[in-house]
Full PDB file with SEQRES, HELIX, SHEET, SSBOND, CRYST1, ORIGX, SCALE, CONECT and MASTER records, all heavy atoms in Angstrom:
SEQRES   1 A   31  PRO HIS ASN TRP ARG ASP LEU ILE SER LYS CYS GLU LYS          
SEQRES   2 A   31  GLY PHE GLU CYS GLY GLY PRO ALA PHE ILE ASN ALA VAL          
SEQRES   3 A   31  SER PRO CYS PRO ARG                                          
HELIX    1 AA1 TRP A    4  PHE A   15  1                                  12    
CRYST1    1.000    1.000    1.000  90.00  90.00  90.00 P 1           1          
ORIGX1      1.000000  0.000000  0.000000        0.00000                         
ORIGX2      0.000000  1.000000  0.000000        0.00000                         
ORIGX3      0.000000  0.000000  1.000000        0.00000                         
SCALE1      1.000000  0.000000  0.000000        0.00000                         
SCALE2      0.000000  1.000000  0.000000        0.00000                         
SCALE3      0.000000  0.000000  1.000000        0.00000                         
ATOM      1  N   PRO A   1       0.803  -1.240   0.000  1.00  0.00           N  
ATOM      2  CA  PRO A   1       0.000   0.000   0.000  1.00  0.00           C  
ATOM      3  C   PRO A   1       0.826   1.276   0.000  1.00  0.00           C  
ATOM      4  O   PRO A   1       0.297   2.344  -0.309  1.00  0.00           O  
ATOM      5  CB  PRO A   1      -0.824  -0.123   1.291  1.00  0.00           C  
ATOM      6  CG  PRO A   1      -0.026  -1.024   2.174  1.00  0.00           C  
ATOM      7  CD  PRO A   1       0.606  -2.008   1.237  1.00  0.00           C  
ATOM      8  N   HIS A   2       2.113   1.188   0.336  1.00  0.00           N  
ATOM      9  CA  HIS A   2       2.918   2.424   0.345  1.00  0.00           C  
ATOM     10  C   HIS A   2       3.152   2.929  -1.074  1.00  0.00           C  
ATOM     11  O   HIS A   2       3.351   4.116  -1.283  1.00  0.00           O  
ATOM     12  CB  HIS A   2       4.267   2.187   1.044  1.00  0.00           C  
ATOM     13  CG  HIS A   2       5.330   1.643   0.153  1.00  0.00           C  
ATOM     14  ND1 HIS A   2       5.445   0.290  -0.134  1.00  0.00           N  
ATOM     15  CD2 HIS A   2       6.318   2.250  -0.550  1.00  0.00           C  
ATOM     16  CE1 HIS A   2       6.462   0.107  -0.961  1.00  0.00           C  
ATOM     17  NE2 HIS A   2       7.014   1.271  -1.220  1.00  0.00           N  
ATOM     18  N   ASN A   3       3.138   2.013  -2.056  1.00  0.00           N  
ATOM     19  CA  ASN A   3       3.352   2.393  -3.453  1.00  0.00           C  
ATOM     20  C   ASN A   3       2.027   2.256  -4.198  1.00  0.00           C  
ATOM     21  O   ASN A   3       1.759   1.251  -4.860  1.00  0.00           O  
ATOM     22  CB  ASN A   3       4.435   1.524  -4.098  1.00  0.00           C  
ATOM     23  CG  ASN A   3       4.928   2.090  -5.419  1.00  0.00           C  
ATOM     24  OD1 ASN A   3       4.159   2.676  -6.184  1.00  0.00           O  
ATOM     25  ND2 ASN A   3       6.207   1.933  -5.693  1.00  0.00           N  
ATOM     26  N   TRP A   4       1.188   3.284  -4.058  1.00  0.00           N  
ATOM     27  CA  TRP A   4      -0.164   3.200  -4.612  1.00  0.00           C  
ATOM     28  C   TRP A   4      -0.168   3.150  -6.131  1.00  0.00           C  
ATOM     29  O   TRP A   4      -1.052   2.521  -6.742  1.00  0.00           O  
ATOM     30  CB  TRP A   4      -1.022   4.363  -4.107  1.00  0.00           C  
ATOM     31  CG  TRP A   4      -0.529   5.724  -4.475  1.00  0.00           C  
ATOM     32  CD1 TRP A   4       0.309   6.525  -3.753  1.00  0.00           C  
ATOM     33  CD2 TRP A   4      -0.833   6.450  -5.672  1.00  0.00           C  
ATOM     34  NE1 TRP A   4       0.545   7.697  -4.416  1.00  0.00           N  
ATOM     35  CE2 TRP A   4      -0.148   7.688  -5.597  1.00  0.00           C  
ATOM     36  CE3 TRP A   4      -1.625   6.179  -6.792  1.00  0.00           C  
ATOM     37  CZ2 TRP A   4      -0.219   8.640  -6.600  1.00  0.00           C  
ATOM     38  CZ3 TRP A   4      -1.694   7.140  -7.799  1.00  0.00           C  
ATOM     39  CH2 TRP A   4      -1.006   8.347  -7.696  1.00  0.00           C  
ATOM     40  N   ARG A   5       0.793   3.791  -6.774  1.00  0.00           N  
ATOM     41  CA  ARG A   5       0.829   3.742  -8.241  1.00  0.00           C  
ATOM     42  C   ARG A   5       1.063   2.310  -8.729  1.00  0.00           C  
ATOM     43  O   ARG A   5       0.406   1.843  -9.667  1.00  0.00           O  
ATOM     44  CB  ARG A   5       1.933   4.661  -8.777  1.00  0.00           C  
ATOM     45  CG  ARG A   5       1.627   6.141  -8.696  1.00  0.00           C  
ATOM     46  CD  ARG A   5       2.710   6.955  -9.385  1.00  0.00           C  
ATOM     47  NE  ARG A   5       2.469   8.394  -9.277  1.00  0.00           N  
ATOM     48  CZ  ARG A   5       1.715   9.089 -10.118  1.00  0.00           C  
ATOM     49  NH1 ARG A   5       1.104   8.474 -11.110  1.00  0.00           N  
ATOM     50  NH2 ARG A   5       1.562  10.389  -9.966  1.00  0.00           N  
ATOM     51  N   ASP A   6       1.999   1.636  -8.100  1.00  0.00           N  
ATOM     52  CA  ASP A   6       2.301   0.256  -8.466  1.00  0.00           C  
ATOM     53  C   ASP A   6       1.097  -0.639  -8.186  1.00  0.00           C  
ATOM     54  O   ASP A   6       0.725  -1.480  -9.014  1.00  0.00           O  
ATOM     55  CB  ASP A   6       3.527  -0.217  -7.671  1.00  0.00           C  
ATOM     56  CG  ASP A   6       3.968  -1.625  -8.031  1.00  0.00           C  
ATOM     57  OD1 ASP A   6       4.516  -1.806  -9.143  1.00  0.00           O  
ATOM     58  OD2 ASP A   6       3.764  -2.544  -7.216  1.00  0.00           O  
ATOM     59  N   LEU A   7       0.459  -0.442  -7.038  1.00  0.00           N  
ATOM     60  CA  LEU A   7      -0.697  -1.270  -6.667  1.00  0.00           C  
ATOM     61  C   LEU A   7      -1.854  -1.074  -7.638  1.00  0.00           C  
ATOM     62  O   LEU A   7      -2.442  -2.043  -8.142  1.00  0.00           O  
ATOM     63  CB  LEU A   7      -1.126  -0.941  -5.235  1.00  0.00           C  
ATOM     64  CG  LEU A   7      -2.161  -1.859  -4.590  1.00  0.00           C  
ATOM     65  CD1 LEU A   7      -2.026  -1.823  -3.065  1.00  0.00           C  
ATOM     66  CD2 LEU A   7      -3.597  -1.500  -4.972  1.00  0.00           C  
ATOM     67  N   ILE A   8      -2.203   0.168  -7.908  1.00  0.00           N  
ATOM     68  CA  ILE A   8      -3.337   0.443  -8.788  1.00  0.00           C  
ATOM     69  C   ILE A   8      -3.062  -0.048 -10.206  1.00  0.00           C  
ATOM     70  O   ILE A   8      -3.943  -0.615 -10.877  1.00  0.00           O  
ATOM     71  CB  ILE A   8      -3.692   1.940  -8.771  1.00  0.00           C  
ATOM     72  CG1 ILE A   8      -4.274   2.315  -7.402  1.00  0.00           C  
ATOM     73  CG2 ILE A   8      -4.672   2.300  -9.887  1.00  0.00           C  
ATOM     74  CD1 ILE A   8      -4.559   3.789  -7.226  1.00  0.00           C  
ATOM     75  N   SER A   9      -1.836   0.136 -10.680  1.00  0.00           N  
ATOM     76  CA  SER A   9      -1.473  -0.346 -12.014  1.00  0.00           C  
ATOM     77  C   SER A   9      -1.661  -1.850 -12.123  1.00  0.00           C  
ATOM     78  O   SER A   9      -2.208  -2.362 -13.116  1.00  0.00           O  
ATOM     79  CB  SER A   9      -0.020   0.026 -12.321  1.00  0.00           C  
ATOM     80  OG  SER A   9       0.406  -0.565 -13.527  1.00  0.00           O  
ATOM     81  N   LYS A  10      -1.235  -2.574 -11.101  1.00  0.00           N  
ATOM     82  CA  LYS A  10      -1.354  -4.033 -11.121  1.00  0.00           C  
ATOM     83  C   LYS A  10      -2.815  -4.481 -11.027  1.00  0.00           C  
ATOM     84  O   LYS A  10      -3.223  -5.442 -11.682  1.00  0.00           O  
ATOM     85  CB  LYS A  10      -0.517  -4.637  -9.998  1.00  0.00           C  
ATOM     86  CG  LYS A  10       0.986  -4.552 -10.274  1.00  0.00           C  
ATOM     87  CD  LYS A  10       1.811  -4.950  -9.071  1.00  0.00           C  
ATOM     88  CE  LYS A  10       3.307  -4.922  -9.415  1.00  0.00           C  
ATOM     89  NZ  LYS A  10       4.161  -5.148  -8.227  1.00  0.00           N  
ATOM     90  N   CYS A  11      -3.598  -3.771 -10.230  1.00  0.00           N  
ATOM     91  CA  CYS A  11      -5.014  -4.132 -10.128  1.00  0.00           C  
ATOM     92  C   CYS A  11      -5.771  -3.808 -11.412  1.00  0.00           C  
ATOM     93  O   CYS A  11      -6.719  -4.517 -11.784  1.00  0.00           O  
ATOM     94  CB  CYS A  11      -5.650  -3.435  -8.930  1.00  0.00           C  
ATOM     95  SG  CYS A  11      -5.096  -4.106  -7.352  1.00  0.00           S  
ATOM     96  N   GLU A  12      -5.378  -2.746 -12.114  1.00  0.00           N  
ATOM     97  CA  GLU A  12      -5.952  -2.473 -13.433  1.00  0.00           C  
ATOM     98  C   GLU A  12      -5.739  -3.680 -14.351  1.00  0.00           C  
ATOM     99  O   GLU A  12      -6.652  -4.125 -15.050  1.00  0.00           O  
ATOM    100  CB  GLU A  12      -5.295  -1.240 -14.055  1.00  0.00           C  
ATOM    101  CG  GLU A  12      -5.713   0.080 -13.443  1.00  0.00           C  
ATOM    102  CD  GLU A  12      -4.939   1.257 -14.036  1.00  0.00           C  
ATOM    103  OE1 GLU A  12      -4.089   1.032 -14.928  1.00  0.00           O  
ATOM    104  OE2 GLU A  12      -5.174   2.397 -13.613  1.00  0.00           O  
ATOM    105  N   LYS A  13      -4.524  -4.195 -14.348  1.00  0.00           N  
ATOM    106  CA  LYS A  13      -4.206  -5.366 -15.177  1.00  0.00           C  
ATOM    107  C   LYS A  13      -5.006  -6.581 -14.714  1.00  0.00           C  
ATOM    108  O   LYS A  13      -5.505  -7.350 -15.535  1.00  0.00           O  
ATOM    109  CB  LYS A  13      -2.708  -5.669 -15.106  1.00  0.00           C  
ATOM    110  CG  LYS A  13      -1.822  -4.639 -15.768  1.00  0.00           C  
ATOM    111  CD  LYS A  13      -0.353  -5.054 -15.664  1.00  0.00           C  
ATOM    112  CE  LYS A  13       0.573  -4.036 -16.302  1.00  0.00           C  
ATOM    113  NZ  LYS A  13       1.997  -4.468 -16.210  1.00  0.00           N  
ATOM    114  N   GLY A  14      -5.110  -6.743 -13.394  1.00  0.00           N  
ATOM    115  CA  GLY A  14      -5.840  -7.887 -12.868  1.00  0.00           C  
ATOM    116  C   GLY A  14      -7.309  -7.885 -13.250  1.00  0.00           C  
ATOM    117  O   GLY A  14      -7.863  -8.904 -13.657  1.00  0.00           O  
ATOM    118  N   PHE A  15      -7.939  -6.720 -13.142  1.00  0.00           N  
ATOM    119  CA  PHE A  15      -9.356  -6.624 -13.502  1.00  0.00           C  
ATOM    120  C   PHE A  15      -9.586  -6.881 -14.987  1.00  0.00           C  
ATOM    121  O   PHE A  15     -10.639  -7.391 -15.379  1.00  0.00           O  
ATOM    122  CB  PHE A  15      -9.898  -5.238 -13.135  1.00  0.00           C  
ATOM    123  CG  PHE A  15     -10.397  -5.119 -11.728  1.00  0.00           C  
ATOM    124  CD1 PHE A  15      -9.925  -4.115 -10.893  1.00  0.00           C  
ATOM    125  CD2 PHE A  15     -11.368  -5.977 -11.238  1.00  0.00           C  
ATOM    126  CE1 PHE A  15     -10.398  -3.985  -9.588  1.00  0.00           C  
ATOM    127  CE2 PHE A  15     -11.850  -5.858  -9.938  1.00  0.00           C  
ATOM    128  CZ  PHE A  15     -11.359  -4.860  -9.111  1.00  0.00           C  
ATOM    129  N   GLU A  16      -8.630  -6.508 -15.828  1.00  0.00           N  
ATOM    130  CA  GLU A  16      -8.830  -6.568 -17.272  1.00  0.00           C  
ATOM    131  C   GLU A  16      -8.085  -7.720 -17.961  1.00  0.00           C  
ATOM    132  O   GLU A  16      -8.011  -7.753 -19.180  1.00  0.00           O  
ATOM    133  CB  GLU A  16      -8.389  -5.245 -17.904  1.00  0.00           C  
ATOM    134  CG  GLU A  16      -9.144  -4.021 -17.388  1.00  0.00           C  
ATOM    135  CD  GLU A  16     -10.656  -4.148 -17.544  1.00  0.00           C  
ATOM    136  OE1 GLU A  16     -11.111  -4.700 -18.576  1.00  0.00           O  
ATOM    137  OE2 GLU A  16     -11.380  -3.711 -16.624  1.00  0.00           O  
ATOM    138  N   CYS A  17      -7.570  -8.667 -17.200  1.00  0.00           N  
ATOM    139  CA  CYS A  17      -6.759  -9.738 -17.808  1.00  0.00           C  
ATOM    140  C   CYS A  17      -7.594 -10.799 -18.521  1.00  0.00           C  
ATOM    141  O   CYS A  17      -7.060 -11.655 -19.218  1.00  0.00           O  
ATOM    142  CB  CYS A  17      -5.854 -10.382 -16.759  1.00  0.00           C  
ATOM    143  SG  CYS A  17      -6.727 -11.409 -15.555  1.00  0.00           S  
ATOM    144  N   GLY A  18      -8.915 -10.771 -18.332  1.00  0.00           N  
ATOM    145  CA  GLY A  18      -9.782 -11.706 -19.044  1.00  0.00           C  
ATOM    146  C   GLY A  18      -9.952 -13.056 -18.377  1.00  0.00           C  
ATOM    147  O   GLY A  18     -10.607 -13.948 -18.921  1.00  0.00           O  
ATOM    148  N   GLY A  19      -9.382 -13.235 -17.206  1.00  0.00           N  
ATOM    149  CA  GLY A  19      -9.480 -14.496 -16.477  1.00  0.00           C  
ATOM    150  C   GLY A  19      -9.198 -14.266 -15.014  1.00  0.00           C  
ATOM    151  O   GLY A  19      -9.287 -13.145 -14.517  1.00  0.00           O  
ATOM    152  N   PRO A  20      -8.821 -15.312 -14.287  1.00  0.00           N  
ATOM    153  CA  PRO A  20      -8.531 -15.140 -12.868  1.00  0.00           C  
ATOM    154  C   PRO A  20      -7.252 -14.349 -12.640  1.00  0.00           C  
ATOM    155  O   PRO A  20      -6.287 -14.461 -13.395  1.00  0.00           O  
ATOM    156  CB  PRO A  20      -8.391 -16.578 -12.350  1.00  0.00           C  
ATOM    157  CG  PRO A  20      -8.062 -17.396 -13.548  1.00  0.00           C  
ATOM    158  CD  PRO A  20      -8.724 -16.731 -14.717  1.00  0.00           C  
ATOM    159  N   ALA A  21      -7.270 -13.532 -11.596  1.00  0.00           N  
ATOM    160  CA  ALA A  21      -6.095 -12.759 -11.198  1.00  0.00           C  
ATOM    161  C   ALA A  21      -5.937 -12.862  -9.696  1.00  0.00           C  
ATOM    162  O   ALA A  21      -6.921 -13.022  -8.963  1.00  0.00           O  
ATOM    163  CB  ALA A  21      -6.232 -11.306 -11.625  1.00  0.00           C  
ATOM    164  N   PHE A  22      -4.695 -12.757  -9.243  1.00  0.00           N  
ATOM    165  CA  PHE A  22      -4.407 -12.851  -7.812  1.00  0.00           C  
ATOM    166  C   PHE A  22      -3.478 -11.720  -7.412  1.00  0.00           C  
ATOM    167  O   PHE A  22      -2.414 -11.535  -8.010  1.00  0.00           O  
ATOM    168  CB  PHE A  22      -3.750 -14.195  -7.477  1.00  0.00           C  
ATOM    169  CG  PHE A  22      -3.401 -14.360  -6.020  1.00  0.00           C  
ATOM    170  CD1 PHE A  22      -4.384 -14.630  -5.088  1.00  0.00           C  
ATOM    171  CD2 PHE A  22      -2.082 -14.250  -5.598  1.00  0.00           C  
ATOM    172  CE1 PHE A  22      -4.063 -14.781  -3.733  1.00  0.00           C  
ATOM    173  CE2 PHE A  22      -1.752 -14.406  -4.257  1.00  0.00           C  
ATOM    174  CZ  PHE A  22      -2.746 -14.678  -3.324  1.00  0.00           C  
ATOM    175  N   ILE A  23      -3.898 -10.943  -6.419  1.00  0.00           N  
ATOM    176  CA  ILE A  23      -3.095  -9.843  -5.894  1.00  0.00           C  
ATOM    177  C   ILE A  23      -2.782 -10.138  -4.423  1.00  0.00           C  
ATOM    178  O   ILE A  23      -3.692 -10.258  -3.599  1.00  0.00           O  
ATOM    179  CB  ILE A  23      -3.848  -8.495  -5.986  1.00  0.00           C  
ATOM    180  CG1 ILE A  23      -4.272  -8.193  -7.432  1.00  0.00           C  
ATOM    181  CG2 ILE A  23      -2.993  -7.379  -5.410  1.00  0.00           C  
ATOM    182  CD1 ILE A  23      -3.144  -7.918  -8.393  1.00  0.00           C  
ATOM    183  N   ASN A  24      -1.506 -10.272  -4.113  1.00  0.00           N  
ATOM    184  CA  ASN A  24      -1.092 -10.531  -2.739  1.00  0.00           C  
ATOM    185  C   ASN A  24      -0.518  -9.230  -2.176  1.00  0.00           C  
ATOM    186  O   ASN A  24       0.501  -8.725  -2.660  1.00  0.00           O  
ATOM    187  CB  ASN A  24      -0.043 -11.640  -2.701  1.00  0.00           C  
ATOM    188  CG  ASN A  24      -0.031 -12.377  -1.374  1.00  0.00           C  
ATOM    189  OD1 ASN A  24      -0.681 -11.975  -0.415  1.00  0.00           O  
ATOM    190  ND2 ASN A  24       0.720 -13.471  -1.315  1.00  0.00           N  
ATOM    191  N   ALA A  25      -1.189  -8.670  -1.167  1.00  0.00           N  
ATOM    192  CA  ALA A  25      -0.819  -7.361  -0.626  1.00  0.00           C  
ATOM    193  C   ALA A  25      -0.293  -7.495   0.792  1.00  0.00           C  
ATOM    194  O   ALA A  25      -0.978  -8.055   1.662  1.00  0.00           O  
ATOM    195  CB  ALA A  25      -2.033  -6.428  -0.639  1.00  0.00           C  
ATOM    196  N   VAL A  26       0.911  -6.987   1.037  1.00  0.00           N  
ATOM    197  CA  VAL A  26       1.403  -6.951   2.414  1.00  0.00           C  
ATOM    198  C   VAL A  26       0.555  -5.946   3.183  1.00  0.00           C  
ATOM    199  O   VAL A  26       0.284  -4.845   2.707  1.00  0.00           O  
ATOM    200  CB  VAL A  26       2.910  -6.589   2.469  1.00  0.00           C  
ATOM    201  CG1 VAL A  26       3.182  -5.176   1.967  1.00  0.00           C  
ATOM    202  CG2 VAL A  26       3.452  -6.783   3.878  1.00  0.00           C  
ATOM    203  N   SER A  27       0.100  -6.355   4.374  1.00  0.00           N  
ATOM    204  CA  SER A  27      -0.863  -5.541   5.120  1.00  0.00           C  
ATOM    205  C   SER A  27      -0.414  -5.423   6.576  1.00  0.00           C  
ATOM    206  O   SER A  27      -0.846  -6.186   7.442  1.00  0.00           O  
ATOM    207  CB  SER A  27      -2.258  -6.178   5.034  1.00  0.00           C  
ATOM    208  OG  SER A  27      -3.230  -5.385   5.663  1.00  0.00           O  
ATOM    209  N   PRO A  28       0.490  -4.484   6.865  1.00  0.00           N  
ATOM    210  CA  PRO A  28       1.015  -4.350   8.219  1.00  0.00           C  
ATOM    211  C   PRO A  28      -0.082  -4.205   9.273  1.00  0.00           C  
ATOM    212  O   PRO A  28      -1.046  -3.461   9.085  1.00  0.00           O  
ATOM    213  CB  PRO A  28       1.871  -3.083   8.139  1.00  0.00           C  
ATOM    214  CG  PRO A  28       2.313  -3.027   6.712  1.00  0.00           C  
ATOM    215  CD  PRO A  28       1.122  -3.513   5.934  1.00  0.00           C  
ATOM    216  N   CYS A  29       0.092  -4.924  10.387  1.00  0.00           N  
ATOM    217  CA  CYS A  29      -0.895  -4.939  11.467  1.00  0.00           C  
ATOM    218  C   CYS A  29      -0.240  -4.420  12.747  1.00  0.00           C  
ATOM    219  O   CYS A  29       0.568  -5.122  13.358  1.00  0.00           O  
ATOM    220  CB  CYS A  29      -1.402  -6.360  11.680  1.00  0.00           C  
ATOM    221  SG  CYS A  29      -2.496  -6.557  13.114  1.00  0.00           S  
ATOM    222  N   PRO A  30      -0.551  -3.195  13.155  1.00  0.00           N  
ATOM    223  CA  PRO A  30       0.076  -2.640  14.364  1.00  0.00           C  
ATOM    224  C   PRO A  30      -0.116  -3.517  15.597  1.00  0.00           C  
ATOM    225  O   PRO A  30       0.799  -3.688  16.398  1.00  0.00           O  
ATOM    226  CB  PRO A  30      -0.628  -1.294  14.533  1.00  0.00           C  
ATOM    227  CG  PRO A  30      -1.111  -0.935  13.169  1.00  0.00           C  
ATOM    228  CD  PRO A  30      -1.469  -2.239  12.522  1.00  0.00           C  
ATOM    229  N   ARG A  31      -1.291  -4.100  15.742  1.00  0.00           N  
ATOM    230  CA  ARG A  31      -1.600  -4.910  16.924  1.00  0.00           C  
ATOM    231  C   ARG A  31      -0.790  -6.211  16.936  1.00  0.00           C  
ATOM    232  O   ARG A  31      -0.197  -6.580  17.953  1.00  0.00           O  
ATOM    233  CB  ARG A  31      -3.110  -5.221  16.943  1.00  0.00           C  
ATOM    234  CG  ARG A  31      -3.559  -6.084  18.104  1.00  0.00           C  
ATOM    235  CD  ARG A  31      -3.460  -5.367  19.436  1.00  0.00           C  
ATOM    236  NE  ARG A  31      -3.813  -6.257  20.539  1.00  0.00           N  
ATOM    237  CZ  ARG A  31      -2.969  -7.071  21.140  1.00  0.00           C  
ATOM    238  NH1 ARG A  31      -1.698  -7.119  20.766  1.00  0.00           N  
ATOM    239  NH2 ARG A  31      -3.368  -7.843  22.142  1.00  0.00           N  
TER     240      ARG A  31                                                      
MASTER        0    0    0    1    0    0    0    6  239    1    0    3          
END                                                                             
């Protein structure tokens, strides 16, 4: 999430790839 341009670009590709897509996002948890 720190690099929103990279994330959004990849999700654009994922939504439009014409088949299944997988996005693995590191999600820091303070707790």
